[in-house]
Amino acid sequence: MKIASIQQKKVKRNQSATVCVLTEEGDSYELLYETLVKFGIYDDSDLDEKQWSSIQLWDSTRRATTAALRWLSLRPRSREEISNRLHREGYNDETITSVLEKLSEEKYIDDLDFAMRFAQSRLRKKAMGERALAYELNKKGIAPDLIRQVMQKFVPDSDLPSVLRLAEKKYATIRESDQRKKQIKLSAFLQQRGFDTDTIRKVVEAIASHDKK
C-alpha cells in the first residue's frame, strides 16, 4: 500500500501524539507519532503487507503497554487483571500476549508478589479463613500453586487465638437471648469469613464453655 498523506492529530490531555495516515486506496489509519518516526514512514512511502502488519503490531503493543503501565501506577494488578482490561479495551490476543510478556520480563507484573501483598493487605483489614482468601485470589486470576504459597505464609495451620478474638467480638454484638441460636449465628459468620469447619467448631465450643461459667 502507498501512503498518500500524513496528518497530525490534535493532542488530547494525557494522550500520546498521533497522526492520521491516508493511503492512495482511500483507507485511513491512526498511528502514534512515535511509530511514524521509528519506522520512517512518510508521504509516498510504499509498504508491503508484511511491513504494514509489523507496524500495526508495534503501534498496538506500544499503546497497550502505555495503558497497562498507567493502570499499574494506580494500584498493583495481577496478570489476568491486565489481560482482561486490555481485552475490554479492544486489543487482540497477539498484542496482549506481547504486552504481558514484556511487563513480566521487566517485573512490572509478578503474580506471586501481587498475591503476597494482596493477602497481607486483606488480612490486615480483617481476619479471614483460608477458603475466603483463596477465593479472592482466584478471582484475581492467581494460579493454584501460587495461592498455596500464599496460604503457607499467611494462613498457619492453627491460628485459633486470632480467630477466637474475632469470634468473641462478633459474639458480643449478636442480639439473641437463646445461646444456642447465638452460637449458630456465630458459626455462620465464621463460615462466611472462610474458616474451616474444625476451626469453627473449636472456637464456638470455647465460647460456649466460657458462657457456662
N, C-alpha and C. Protein backbone atom coordinates (compact mmCIF):
# COMPACT_ATOMS: atom_id res chain seq x y z
N MET A 1 0.84 -1.19 0.00
CA MET A 1 0.00 0.00 0.00
C MET A 1 0.88 1.24 0.00
N LYS A 2 0.39 2.31 -0.60
CA LYS A 2 1.17 3.54 -0.70
C LYS A 2 0.52 4.65 0.13
N ILE A 3 1.38 5.37 0.87
CA ILE A 3 0.89 6.45 1.73
C ILE A 3 0.65 7.69 0.89
N ALA A 4 -0.56 8.21 0.96
CA ALA A 4 -0.90 9.43 0.21
C ALA A 4 -0.55 10.68 1.00
N SER A 5 -0.91 10.67 2.29
CA SER A 5 -0.59 11.83 3.13
C SER A 5 -0.63 11.44 4.60
N ILE A 6 0.02 12.26 5.41
CA ILE A 6 0.06 12.05 6.86
C ILE A 6 -0.36 13.35 7.53
N GLN A 7 -1.38 13.27 8.36
CA GLN A 7 -1.90 14.47 9.03
C GLN A 7 -1.78 14.31 10.54
N GLN A 8 -1.18 15.30 11.18
CA GLN A 8 -1.03 15.24 12.64
C GLN A 8 -2.37 15.57 13.30
N LYS A 9 -2.72 14.78 14.32
CA LYS A 9 -3.98 15.00 15.02
C LYS A 9 -3.74 15.84 16.26
N LYS A 10 -4.79 16.51 16.70
CA LYS A 10 -4.70 17.34 17.90
C LYS A 10 -4.46 16.44 19.11
N VAL A 11 -3.47 16.82 19.90
CA VAL A 11 -3.12 16.01 21.07
C VAL A 11 -4.04 16.34 22.23
N LYS A 12 -4.69 15.30 22.76
CA LYS A 12 -5.55 15.49 23.93
C LYS A 12 -4.72 15.36 25.20
N ARG A 13 -5.24 15.89 26.27
CA ARG A 13 -4.52 15.86 27.54
C ARG A 13 -4.22 14.42 27.97
N ASN A 14 -2.99 14.20 28.41
CA ASN A 14 -2.53 12.89 28.90
C ASN A 14 -2.55 11.81 27.82
N GLN A 15 -2.55 12.20 26.56
CA GLN A 15 -2.51 11.22 25.48
C GLN A 15 -1.27 11.44 24.62
N SER A 16 -0.78 10.37 24.02
CA SER A 16 0.39 10.46 23.16
C SER A 16 0.02 11.10 21.83
N ALA A 17 1.00 11.74 21.20
CA ALA A 17 0.77 12.38 19.90
C ALA A 17 0.48 11.31 18.85
N THR A 18 -0.53 11.57 18.03
CA THR A 18 -0.91 10.62 16.99
C THR A 18 -1.03 11.31 15.64
N VAL A 19 -1.01 10.50 14.58
CA VAL A 19 -1.18 11.03 13.22
C VAL A 19 -2.22 10.19 12.49
N CYS A 20 -2.81 10.77 11.49
CA CYS A 20 -3.75 10.05 10.63
C CYS A 20 -3.04 9.77 9.31
N VAL A 21 -2.91 8.48 9.00
CA VAL A 21 -2.23 8.06 7.77
C VAL A 21 -3.28 7.74 6.72
N LEU A 22 -3.23 8.43 5.59
CA LEU A 22 -4.17 8.20 4.49
C LEU A 22 -3.45 7.48 3.36
N THR A 23 -4.08 6.45 2.82
CA THR A 23 -3.47 5.69 1.73
C THR A 23 -4.09 6.09 0.39
N GLU A 24 -3.40 5.76 -0.68
CA GLU A 24 -3.92 6.07 -2.01
C GLU A 24 -5.18 5.26 -2.32
N GLU A 25 -5.37 4.16 -1.56
CA GLU A 25 -6.56 3.34 -1.75
C GLU A 25 -7.78 3.95 -1.06
N GLY A 26 -7.55 5.03 -0.31
CA GLY A 26 -8.66 5.70 0.36
C GLY A 26 -8.87 5.28 1.80
N ASP A 27 -8.01 4.43 2.32
CA ASP A 27 -8.12 4.00 3.72
C ASP A 27 -7.39 4.98 4.63
N SER A 28 -7.82 5.02 5.89
CA SER A 28 -7.14 5.88 6.87
C SER A 28 -6.85 5.10 8.14
N TYR A 29 -5.72 5.37 8.75
CA TYR A 29 -5.30 4.67 9.96
C TYR A 29 -4.71 5.68 10.93
N GLU A 30 -4.93 5.42 12.21
CA GLU A 30 -4.32 6.27 13.23
C GLU A 30 -3.09 5.55 13.78
N LEU A 31 -1.98 6.25 13.82
CA LEU A 31 -0.74 5.70 14.38
C LEU A 31 -0.16 6.68 15.38
N LEU A 32 0.61 6.17 16.31
CA LEU A 32 1.36 7.04 17.19
C LEU A 32 2.42 7.77 16.38
N TYR A 33 2.69 9.01 16.74
CA TYR A 33 3.76 9.74 16.06
C TYR A 33 5.08 9.00 16.26
N GLU A 34 5.22 8.40 17.42
CA GLU A 34 6.41 7.61 17.75
C GLU A 34 6.60 6.46 16.75
N THR A 35 5.50 5.85 16.35
CA THR A 35 5.55 4.76 15.37
C THR A 35 6.02 5.28 14.01
N LEU A 36 5.51 6.44 13.65
CA LEU A 36 5.88 7.07 12.39
C LEU A 36 7.40 7.26 12.31
N VAL A 37 7.97 7.77 13.41
CA VAL A 37 9.41 8.04 13.46
C VAL A 37 10.21 6.74 13.46
N LYS A 38 9.77 5.79 14.27
CA LYS A 38 10.51 4.53 14.39
C LYS A 38 10.65 3.81 13.05
N PHE A 39 9.57 3.78 12.28
CA PHE A 39 9.58 3.03 11.03
C PHE A 39 9.87 3.90 9.80
N GLY A 40 10.12 5.18 10.04
CA GLY A 40 10.47 6.06 8.93
C GLY A 40 9.37 6.18 7.88
N ILE A 41 8.14 6.32 8.34
CA ILE A 41 7.01 6.43 7.42
C ILE A 41 6.81 7.89 7.01
N TYR A 42 6.62 8.13 5.76
CA TYR A 42 6.44 9.49 5.26
C TYR A 42 5.53 9.47 4.02
N ASP A 43 5.16 10.63 3.54
CA ASP A 43 4.33 10.70 2.33
C ASP A 43 5.01 9.94 1.19
N ASP A 44 4.22 9.19 0.46
CA ASP A 44 4.70 8.38 -0.68
C ASP A 44 5.42 7.10 -0.27
N SER A 45 5.48 6.79 1.04
CA SER A 45 6.07 5.51 1.46
C SER A 45 5.25 4.37 0.86
N ASP A 46 5.94 3.36 0.37
CA ASP A 46 5.27 2.20 -0.23
C ASP A 46 5.55 1.00 0.66
N LEU A 47 4.52 0.47 1.29
CA LEU A 47 4.68 -0.61 2.27
C LEU A 47 3.99 -1.88 1.78
N ASP A 48 4.69 -3.02 1.96
CA ASP A 48 4.03 -4.28 1.62
C ASP A 48 3.23 -4.76 2.83
N GLU A 49 2.48 -5.83 2.64
CA GLU A 49 1.57 -6.31 3.69
C GLU A 49 2.32 -6.71 4.96
N LYS A 50 3.47 -7.35 4.81
CA LYS A 50 4.24 -7.79 5.97
C LYS A 50 4.75 -6.59 6.76
N GLN A 51 5.25 -5.58 6.07
CA GLN A 51 5.74 -4.38 6.74
C GLN A 51 4.61 -3.69 7.50
N TRP A 52 3.46 -3.58 6.86
CA TRP A 52 2.32 -2.90 7.49
C TRP A 52 1.83 -3.66 8.71
N SER A 53 1.83 -4.98 8.65
CA SER A 53 1.41 -5.79 9.80
C SER A 53 2.35 -5.58 10.97
N SER A 54 3.65 -5.52 10.69
CA SER A 54 4.64 -5.28 11.75
C SER A 54 4.46 -3.91 12.38
N ILE A 55 4.18 -2.92 11.54
CA ILE A 55 3.96 -1.56 12.03
C ILE A 55 2.74 -1.49 12.93
N GLN A 56 1.65 -2.11 12.49
CA GLN A 56 0.42 -2.09 13.29
C GLN A 56 0.58 -2.82 14.61
N LEU A 57 1.29 -3.96 14.60
CA LEU A 57 1.51 -4.71 15.84
C LEU A 57 2.35 -3.89 16.81
N TRP A 58 3.41 -3.27 16.30
CA TRP A 58 4.26 -2.46 17.18
C TRP A 58 3.47 -1.30 17.78
N ASP A 59 2.68 -0.64 16.94
CA ASP A 59 1.89 0.50 17.40
C ASP A 59 0.88 0.08 18.45
N SER A 60 0.18 -1.02 18.18
CA SER A 60 -0.82 -1.52 19.11
C SER A 60 -0.19 -1.93 20.44
N THR A 61 0.96 -2.61 20.35
CA THR A 61 1.65 -3.06 21.56
C THR A 61 2.14 -1.87 22.38
N ARG A 62 2.61 -0.85 21.69
CA ARG A 62 3.08 0.35 22.38
C ARG A 62 1.94 1.04 23.12
N ARG A 63 0.81 1.16 22.47
CA ARG A 63 -0.36 1.78 23.10
C ARG A 63 -0.82 0.97 24.31
N ALA A 64 -0.90 -0.35 24.12
CA ALA A 64 -1.38 -1.23 25.19
C ALA A 64 -0.43 -1.22 26.38
N THR A 65 0.87 -1.19 26.10
CA THR A 65 1.86 -1.15 27.18
C THR A 65 1.73 0.14 27.98
N THR A 66 1.57 1.24 27.28
CA THR A 66 1.40 2.54 27.95
C THR A 66 0.15 2.53 28.83
N ALA A 67 -0.93 1.96 28.31
CA ALA A 67 -2.18 1.89 29.08
C ALA A 67 -1.99 1.01 30.32
N ALA A 68 -1.34 -0.14 30.15
CA ALA A 68 -1.14 -1.06 31.27
C ALA A 68 -0.28 -0.42 32.35
N LEU A 69 0.76 0.28 31.96
CA LEU A 69 1.62 0.95 32.94
C LEU A 69 0.86 2.04 33.68
N ARG A 70 -0.04 2.69 32.99
CA ARG A 70 -0.87 3.72 33.64
C ARG A 70 -1.77 3.08 34.69
N TRP A 71 -2.38 1.94 34.37
CA TRP A 71 -3.23 1.24 35.34
C TRP A 71 -2.41 0.76 36.53
N LEU A 72 -1.22 0.25 36.25
CA LEU A 72 -0.36 -0.25 37.32
C LEU A 72 0.13 0.87 38.24
N SER A 73 0.19 2.08 37.71
CA SER A 73 0.62 3.21 38.54
C SER A 73 -0.45 3.58 39.57
N LEU A 74 -1.69 3.17 39.30
CA LEU A 74 -2.79 3.46 40.21
C LEU A 74 -2.87 2.45 41.34
N ARG A 75 -2.63 1.18 41.02
CA ARG A 75 -2.58 0.12 42.04
C ARG A 75 -1.98 -1.13 41.42
N PRO A 76 -1.41 -2.02 42.25
CA PRO A 76 -0.87 -3.28 41.71
C PRO A 76 -1.99 -4.11 41.10
N ARG A 77 -1.67 -4.86 40.06
CA ARG A 77 -2.67 -5.71 39.40
C ARG A 77 -2.04 -7.04 39.01
N SER A 78 -2.87 -8.06 38.95
CA SER A 78 -2.40 -9.38 38.53
C SER A 78 -2.31 -9.43 37.00
N ARG A 79 -1.64 -10.46 36.52
CA ARG A 79 -1.51 -10.66 35.08
C ARG A 79 -2.88 -10.76 34.42
N GLU A 80 -3.80 -11.50 35.05
CA GLU A 80 -5.13 -11.68 34.46
C GLU A 80 -5.94 -10.40 34.47
N GLU A 81 -5.77 -9.59 35.50
CA GLU A 81 -6.49 -8.31 35.54
C GLU A 81 -6.06 -7.42 34.38
N ILE A 82 -4.76 -7.37 34.12
CA ILE A 82 -4.26 -6.58 32.99
C ILE A 82 -4.78 -7.14 31.68
N SER A 83 -4.73 -8.46 31.54
CA SER A 83 -5.20 -9.11 30.32
C SER A 83 -6.67 -8.82 30.06
N ASN A 84 -7.49 -8.96 31.10
CA ASN A 84 -8.93 -8.72 30.94
C ASN A 84 -9.23 -7.26 30.58
N ARG A 85 -8.49 -6.35 31.19
CA ARG A 85 -8.71 -4.92 30.91
C ARG A 85 -8.33 -4.60 29.46
N LEU A 86 -7.23 -5.17 28.99
CA LEU A 86 -6.80 -4.94 27.61
C LEU A 86 -7.81 -5.52 26.61
N HIS A 87 -8.37 -6.67 26.95
CA HIS A 87 -9.42 -7.26 26.10
C HIS A 87 -10.61 -6.32 26.01
N ARG A 88 -11.00 -5.76 27.15
CA ARG A 88 -12.15 -4.84 27.16
C ARG A 88 -11.85 -3.58 26.35
N GLU A 89 -10.59 -3.20 26.29
CA GLU A 89 -10.20 -2.02 25.53
C GLU A 89 -10.12 -2.31 24.03
N GLY A 90 -10.28 -3.58 23.66
CA GLY A 90 -10.31 -3.92 22.24
C GLY A 90 -9.02 -4.42 21.62
N TYR A 91 -8.00 -4.66 22.43
CA TYR A 91 -6.74 -5.17 21.89
C TYR A 91 -6.86 -6.65 21.57
N ASN A 92 -6.16 -7.10 20.52
CA ASN A 92 -6.25 -8.51 20.14
C ASN A 92 -5.29 -9.37 20.96
N ASP A 93 -5.44 -10.69 20.83
CA ASP A 93 -4.66 -11.63 21.64
C ASP A 93 -3.16 -11.49 21.41
N GLU A 94 -2.76 -11.27 20.16
CA GLU A 94 -1.33 -11.16 19.86
C GLU A 94 -0.71 -9.97 20.58
N THR A 95 -1.40 -8.86 20.56
CA THR A 95 -0.91 -7.66 21.25
C THR A 95 -0.85 -7.88 22.75
N ILE A 96 -1.90 -8.46 23.30
CA ILE A 96 -1.97 -8.68 24.75
C ILE A 96 -0.87 -9.62 25.21
N THR A 97 -0.64 -10.69 24.47
CA THR A 97 0.42 -11.64 24.83
C THR A 97 1.77 -10.94 24.84
N SER A 98 2.02 -10.12 23.83
CA SER A 98 3.28 -9.39 23.73
C SER A 98 3.46 -8.44 24.92
N VAL A 99 2.40 -7.74 25.28
CA VAL A 99 2.45 -6.79 26.39
C VAL A 99 2.71 -7.51 27.71
N LEU A 100 2.00 -8.60 27.95
CA LEU A 100 2.15 -9.35 29.20
C LEU A 100 3.56 -9.91 29.34
N GLU A 101 4.12 -10.41 28.25
CA GLU A 101 5.48 -10.94 28.29
C GLU A 101 6.48 -9.83 28.63
N LYS A 102 6.29 -8.69 28.01
CA LYS A 102 7.20 -7.55 28.26
C LYS A 102 7.09 -7.08 29.71
N LEU A 103 5.88 -6.94 30.21
CA LEU A 103 5.68 -6.48 31.59
C LEU A 103 6.21 -7.48 32.60
N SER A 104 6.08 -8.77 32.29
CA SER A 104 6.60 -9.82 33.18
C SER A 104 8.12 -9.81 33.20
N GLU A 105 8.72 -9.70 32.02
CA GLU A 105 10.18 -9.68 31.92
C GLU A 105 10.77 -8.50 32.70
N GLU A 106 10.09 -7.37 32.65
CA GLU A 106 10.59 -6.17 33.30
C GLU A 106 10.07 -6.02 34.74
N LYS A 107 9.40 -7.08 35.23
CA LYS A 107 8.93 -7.15 36.62
C LYS A 107 7.87 -6.12 36.99
N TYR A 108 7.16 -5.63 35.98
CA TYR A 108 6.05 -4.74 36.28
C TYR A 108 4.85 -5.53 36.78
N ILE A 109 4.73 -6.78 36.32
CA ILE A 109 3.71 -7.67 36.87
C ILE A 109 4.39 -8.94 37.37
N ASP A 110 4.01 -9.35 38.56
CA ASP A 110 4.57 -10.54 39.20
C ASP A 110 3.46 -11.10 40.08
N ASP A 111 2.82 -12.16 39.63
CA ASP A 111 1.63 -12.65 40.33
C ASP A 111 1.90 -13.12 41.75
N LEU A 112 3.07 -13.69 42.02
CA LEU A 112 3.37 -14.13 43.38
C LEU A 112 3.52 -12.93 44.30
N ASP A 113 4.26 -11.94 43.86
CA ASP A 113 4.44 -10.73 44.66
C ASP A 113 3.09 -10.03 44.86
N PHE A 114 2.29 -9.96 43.79
CA PHE A 114 0.97 -9.34 43.89
C PHE A 114 0.11 -10.08 44.91
N ALA A 115 0.10 -11.43 44.83
CA ALA A 115 -0.73 -12.24 45.72
C ALA A 115 -0.31 -12.07 47.18
N MET A 116 1.00 -12.02 47.43
CA MET A 116 1.51 -11.85 48.79
C MET A 116 1.06 -10.50 49.35
N ARG A 117 1.22 -9.46 48.55
CA ARG A 117 0.84 -8.12 49.00
C ARG A 117 -0.68 -8.01 49.20
N PHE A 118 -1.43 -8.62 48.29
CA PHE A 118 -2.89 -8.59 48.38
C PHE A 118 -3.35 -9.29 49.66
N ALA A 119 -2.78 -10.47 49.93
CA ALA A 119 -3.15 -11.23 51.12
C ALA A 119 -2.81 -10.45 52.39
N GLN A 120 -1.63 -9.88 52.41
CA GLN A 120 -1.20 -9.10 53.58
C GLN A 120 -2.15 -7.93 53.84
N SER A 121 -2.54 -7.26 52.77
CA SER A 121 -3.45 -6.12 52.90
C SER A 121 -4.83 -6.55 53.37
N ARG A 122 -5.36 -7.63 52.80
CA ARG A 122 -6.70 -8.10 53.17
C ARG A 122 -6.74 -8.56 54.62
N LEU A 123 -5.70 -9.30 55.03
CA LEU A 123 -5.68 -9.84 56.39
C LEU A 123 -5.43 -8.74 57.42
N ARG A 124 -4.79 -7.66 57.00
CA ARG A 124 -4.58 -6.54 57.91
C ARG A 124 -5.91 -5.84 58.20
N LYS A 125 -6.79 -5.82 57.20
CA LYS A 125 -8.08 -5.15 57.35
C LYS A 125 -9.06 -5.98 58.16
N LYS A 126 -9.07 -7.30 57.92
CA LYS A 126 -9.98 -8.17 58.68
C LYS A 126 -9.49 -9.61 58.64
N ALA A 127 -9.77 -10.32 59.73
CA ALA A 127 -9.39 -11.73 59.78
C ALA A 127 -10.27 -12.53 58.83
N MET A 128 -9.68 -13.47 58.13
CA MET A 128 -10.47 -14.32 57.24
C MET A 128 -9.79 -15.67 57.13
N GLY A 129 -10.56 -16.68 56.81
CA GLY A 129 -10.04 -18.03 56.69
C GLY A 129 -9.38 -18.30 55.36
N GLU A 130 -8.80 -19.49 55.28
CA GLU A 130 -8.07 -19.90 54.08
C GLU A 130 -8.98 -19.92 52.85
N ARG A 131 -10.19 -20.45 53.00
CA ARG A 131 -11.09 -20.56 51.85
C ARG A 131 -11.48 -19.19 51.29
N ALA A 132 -11.77 -18.25 52.18
CA ALA A 132 -12.17 -16.92 51.73
C ALA A 132 -11.03 -16.20 51.02
N LEU A 133 -9.83 -16.31 51.58
CA LEU A 133 -8.68 -15.66 50.97
C LEU A 133 -8.34 -16.31 49.63
N ALA A 134 -8.38 -17.63 49.60
CA ALA A 134 -8.10 -18.35 48.34
C ALA A 134 -9.12 -17.98 47.27
N TYR A 135 -10.37 -17.81 47.67
CA TYR A 135 -11.42 -17.44 46.72
C TYR A 135 -11.13 -16.06 46.11
N GLU A 136 -10.73 -15.12 46.95
CA GLU A 136 -10.45 -13.78 46.45
C GLU A 136 -9.24 -13.77 45.51
N LEU A 137 -8.22 -14.55 45.85
CA LEU A 137 -7.04 -14.63 45.00
C LEU A 137 -7.37 -15.30 43.66
N ASN A 138 -8.24 -16.30 43.72
CA ASN A 138 -8.66 -16.98 42.50
C ASN A 138 -9.40 -16.02 41.57
N LYS A 139 -10.21 -15.14 42.15
CA LYS A 139 -10.94 -14.15 41.35
C LYS A 139 -9.98 -13.19 40.65
N LYS A 140 -8.80 -13.00 41.25
CA LYS A 140 -7.80 -12.13 40.65
C LYS A 140 -6.99 -12.85 39.57
N GLY A 141 -7.27 -14.15 39.38
CA GLY A 141 -6.57 -14.90 38.35
C GLY A 141 -5.25 -15.51 38.81
N ILE A 142 -5.06 -15.61 40.12
CA ILE A 142 -3.82 -16.19 40.64
C ILE A 142 -3.85 -17.71 40.51
N ALA A 143 -2.76 -18.28 40.02
CA ALA A 143 -2.68 -19.73 39.80
C ALA A 143 -2.72 -20.50 41.12
N PRO A 144 -3.29 -21.72 41.12
CA PRO A 144 -3.40 -22.52 42.34
C PRO A 144 -2.09 -22.73 43.08
N ASP A 145 -0.98 -22.96 42.35
CA ASP A 145 0.29 -23.20 43.04
C ASP A 145 0.77 -21.94 43.76
N LEU A 146 0.48 -20.77 43.21
CA LEU A 146 0.85 -19.52 43.88
C LEU A 146 -0.05 -19.27 45.09
N ILE A 147 -1.31 -19.63 44.96
CA ILE A 147 -2.24 -19.48 46.10
C ILE A 147 -1.77 -20.34 47.26
N ARG A 148 -1.30 -21.56 46.96
CA ARG A 148 -0.80 -22.44 48.03
C ARG A 148 0.40 -21.81 48.74
N GLN A 149 1.26 -21.16 47.99
CA GLN A 149 2.42 -20.50 48.61
C GLN A 149 1.97 -19.37 49.54
N VAL A 150 0.96 -18.65 49.12
CA VAL A 150 0.43 -17.56 49.95
C VAL A 150 -0.19 -18.13 51.22
N MET A 151 -0.94 -19.21 51.08
CA MET A 151 -1.58 -19.83 52.24
C MET A 151 -0.54 -20.29 53.27
N GLN A 152 0.54 -20.87 52.78
CA GLN A 152 1.58 -21.37 53.68
C GLN A 152 2.21 -20.24 54.49
N LYS A 153 2.29 -19.07 53.90
CA LYS A 153 2.91 -17.94 54.59
C LYS A 153 1.95 -17.19 55.49
N PHE A 154 0.73 -16.97 55.03
CA PHE A 154 -0.19 -16.09 55.76
C PHE A 154 -1.30 -16.80 56.54
N VAL A 155 -1.55 -18.07 56.24
CA VAL A 155 -2.62 -18.78 56.94
C VAL A 155 -2.03 -20.02 57.60
N PRO A 156 -1.50 -19.90 58.82
CA PRO A 156 -0.92 -21.05 59.50
C PRO A 156 -1.96 -22.12 59.79
N ASP A 157 -1.49 -23.35 59.99
CA ASP A 157 -2.41 -24.47 60.23
C ASP A 157 -3.29 -24.24 61.46
N SER A 158 -2.72 -23.60 62.47
CA SER A 158 -3.51 -23.37 63.68
C SER A 158 -3.38 -21.91 64.10
N ASP A 159 -4.42 -21.15 63.92
CA ASP A 159 -4.41 -19.74 64.29
C ASP A 159 -5.64 -19.45 65.15
N LEU A 160 -5.89 -20.37 66.07
CA LEU A 160 -7.09 -20.27 66.91
C LEU A 160 -7.16 -18.99 67.73
N PRO A 161 -6.05 -18.52 68.31
CA PRO A 161 -6.14 -17.30 69.13
C PRO A 161 -6.73 -16.10 68.38
N SER A 162 -6.26 -15.87 67.14
CA SER A 162 -6.77 -14.71 66.39
C SER A 162 -8.22 -14.92 65.97
N VAL A 163 -8.57 -16.16 65.61
CA VAL A 163 -9.96 -16.45 65.23
C VAL A 163 -10.87 -16.31 66.46
N LEU A 164 -10.37 -16.74 67.59
CA LEU A 164 -11.14 -16.64 68.83
C LEU A 164 -11.40 -15.18 69.19
N ARG A 165 -10.40 -14.34 69.02
CA ARG A 165 -10.58 -12.91 69.31
C ARG A 165 -11.64 -12.30 68.40
N LEU A 166 -11.58 -12.67 67.12
CA LEU A 166 -12.59 -12.19 66.17
C LEU A 166 -13.98 -12.68 66.57
N ALA A 167 -14.07 -13.96 66.93
CA ALA A 167 -15.35 -14.56 67.29
C ALA A 167 -15.95 -13.92 68.54
N GLU A 168 -15.09 -13.64 69.52
CA GLU A 168 -15.57 -13.03 70.76
C GLU A 168 -16.16 -11.63 70.51
N LYS A 169 -15.50 -10.89 69.64
CA LYS A 169 -16.02 -9.55 69.31
C LYS A 169 -17.38 -9.65 68.62
N LYS A 170 -17.47 -10.58 67.68
CA LYS A 170 -18.73 -10.76 66.96
C LYS A 170 -19.82 -11.28 67.89
N TYR A 171 -19.47 -12.22 68.73
CA TYR A 171 -20.44 -12.85 69.64
C TYR A 171 -21.09 -11.80 70.54
N ALA A 172 -20.29 -10.83 70.96
CA ALA A 172 -20.79 -9.79 71.86
C ALA A 172 -21.81 -8.88 71.17
N THR A 173 -21.80 -8.86 69.85
CA THR A 173 -22.72 -7.97 69.12
C THR A 173 -24.00 -8.67 68.67
N ILE A 174 -24.05 -9.99 68.82
CA ILE A 174 -25.23 -10.75 68.36
C ILE A 174 -26.36 -10.60 69.38
N ARG A 175 -27.46 -10.03 68.94
CA ARG A 175 -28.60 -9.82 69.84
C ARG A 175 -29.51 -11.03 69.78
N GLU A 176 -29.28 -11.94 70.65
CA GLU A 176 -30.07 -13.18 70.70
C GLU A 176 -29.99 -13.74 72.12
N SER A 177 -31.14 -13.91 72.75
CA SER A 177 -31.16 -14.40 74.13
C SER A 177 -30.88 -15.89 74.21
N ASP A 178 -31.30 -16.64 73.21
CA ASP A 178 -31.06 -18.09 73.18
C ASP A 178 -29.60 -18.34 72.80
N GLN A 179 -28.84 -18.91 73.72
CA GLN A 179 -27.41 -19.12 73.49
C GLN A 179 -27.13 -20.04 72.30
N ARG A 180 -27.98 -21.04 72.12
CA ARG A 180 -27.78 -21.97 71.00
C ARG A 180 -27.93 -21.24 69.67
N LYS A 181 -28.96 -20.42 69.55
CA LYS A 181 -29.17 -19.65 68.32
C LYS A 181 -28.03 -18.65 68.11
N LYS A 182 -27.54 -18.13 69.21
CA LYS A 182 -26.44 -17.17 69.15
C LYS A 182 -25.18 -17.85 68.59
N GLN A 183 -24.96 -19.08 69.03
CA GLN A 183 -23.79 -19.84 68.56
C GLN A 183 -23.93 -20.21 67.08
N ILE A 184 -25.15 -20.50 66.66
CA ILE A 184 -25.40 -20.83 65.25
C ILE A 184 -25.10 -19.61 64.36
N LYS A 185 -25.52 -18.44 64.83
CA LYS A 185 -25.25 -17.21 64.07
C LYS A 185 -23.75 -16.93 64.02
N LEU A 186 -23.06 -17.22 65.11
CA LEU A 186 -21.61 -17.03 65.14
C LEU A 186 -20.93 -17.98 64.16
N SER A 187 -21.39 -19.22 64.14
CA SER A 187 -20.83 -20.22 63.21
C SER A 187 -21.01 -19.77 61.76
N ALA A 188 -22.19 -19.24 61.47
CA ALA A 188 -22.47 -18.77 60.11
C ALA A 188 -21.55 -17.61 59.73
N PHE A 189 -21.31 -16.72 60.69
CA PHE A 189 -20.41 -15.58 60.45
C PHE A 189 -19.00 -16.05 60.14
N LEU A 190 -18.51 -17.00 60.94
CA LEU A 190 -17.15 -17.51 60.74
C LEU A 190 -17.03 -18.28 59.42
N GLN A 191 -18.11 -18.96 59.06
CA GLN A 191 -18.11 -19.69 57.79
C GLN A 191 -18.03 -18.71 56.62
N GLN A 192 -18.73 -17.59 56.73
CA GLN A 192 -18.69 -16.56 55.68
C GLN A 192 -17.30 -15.97 55.54
N ARG A 193 -16.56 -15.95 56.65
CA ARG A 193 -15.19 -15.44 56.62
C ARG A 193 -14.21 -16.47 56.05
N GLY A 194 -14.71 -17.67 55.76
CA GLY A 194 -13.87 -18.67 55.11
C GLY A 194 -13.10 -19.59 56.03
N PHE A 195 -13.45 -19.63 57.31
CA PHE A 195 -12.75 -20.53 58.22
C PHE A 195 -13.27 -21.95 58.06
N ASP A 196 -12.37 -22.93 58.27
CA ASP A 196 -12.77 -24.32 58.08
C ASP A 196 -13.64 -24.81 59.23
N THR A 197 -14.33 -25.91 58.99
CA THR A 197 -15.31 -26.45 59.94
C THR A 197 -14.69 -26.78 61.29
N ASP A 198 -13.50 -27.37 61.28
CA ASP A 198 -12.84 -27.77 62.53
C ASP A 198 -12.49 -26.55 63.37
N THR A 199 -11.98 -25.51 62.74
CA THR A 199 -11.63 -24.29 63.47
C THR A 199 -12.88 -23.64 64.06
N ILE A 200 -13.95 -23.58 63.27
CA ILE A 200 -15.21 -23.00 63.74
C ILE A 200 -15.73 -23.77 64.95
N ARG A 201 -15.69 -25.09 64.86
CA ARG A 201 -16.19 -25.93 65.96
C ARG A 201 -15.42 -25.64 67.25
N LYS A 202 -14.09 -25.59 67.16
CA LYS A 202 -13.26 -25.36 68.34
C LYS A 202 -13.52 -23.99 68.95
N VAL A 203 -13.66 -22.99 68.09
CA VAL A 203 -13.88 -21.63 68.58
C VAL A 203 -15.25 -21.50 69.24
N VAL A 204 -16.28 -22.04 68.60
CA VAL A 204 -17.63 -21.97 69.16
C VAL A 204 -17.71 -22.74 70.48
N GLU A 205 -17.05 -23.89 70.54
CA GLU A 205 -17.03 -24.67 71.78
C GLU A 205 -16.34 -23.90 72.90
N ALA A 206 -15.26 -23.20 72.56
CA ALA A 206 -14.53 -22.42 73.56
C ALA A 206 -15.40 -21.29 74.11
N ILE A 207 -16.13 -20.63 73.23
CA ILE A 207 -17.01 -19.53 73.66
C ILE A 207 -18.19 -20.07 74.45
N ALA A 208 -18.73 -21.21 74.02
CA ALA A 208 -19.86 -21.82 74.73
C ALA A 208 -19.44 -22.23 76.13
N SER A 209 -18.22 -22.75 76.23
CA SER A 209 -17.70 -23.17 77.53
C SER A 209 -17.54 -21.98 78.46
N HIS A 210 -17.08 -20.86 77.91
CA HIS A 210 -16.91 -19.64 78.69
C HIS A 210 -18.26 -19.10 79.15
N ASP A 211 -19.30 -19.27 78.32
CA ASP A 211 -20.64 -18.79 78.65
C ASP A 211 -21.23 -19.54 79.84
N LYS A 212 -20.85 -20.81 79.96
CA LYS A 212 -21.43 -21.65 81.01
C LYS A 212 -20.86 -21.34 82.39
N LYS A 213 -19.69 -20.67 82.39
CA LYS A 213 -19.04 -20.39 83.67
C LYS A 213 -19.74 -19.25 84.41
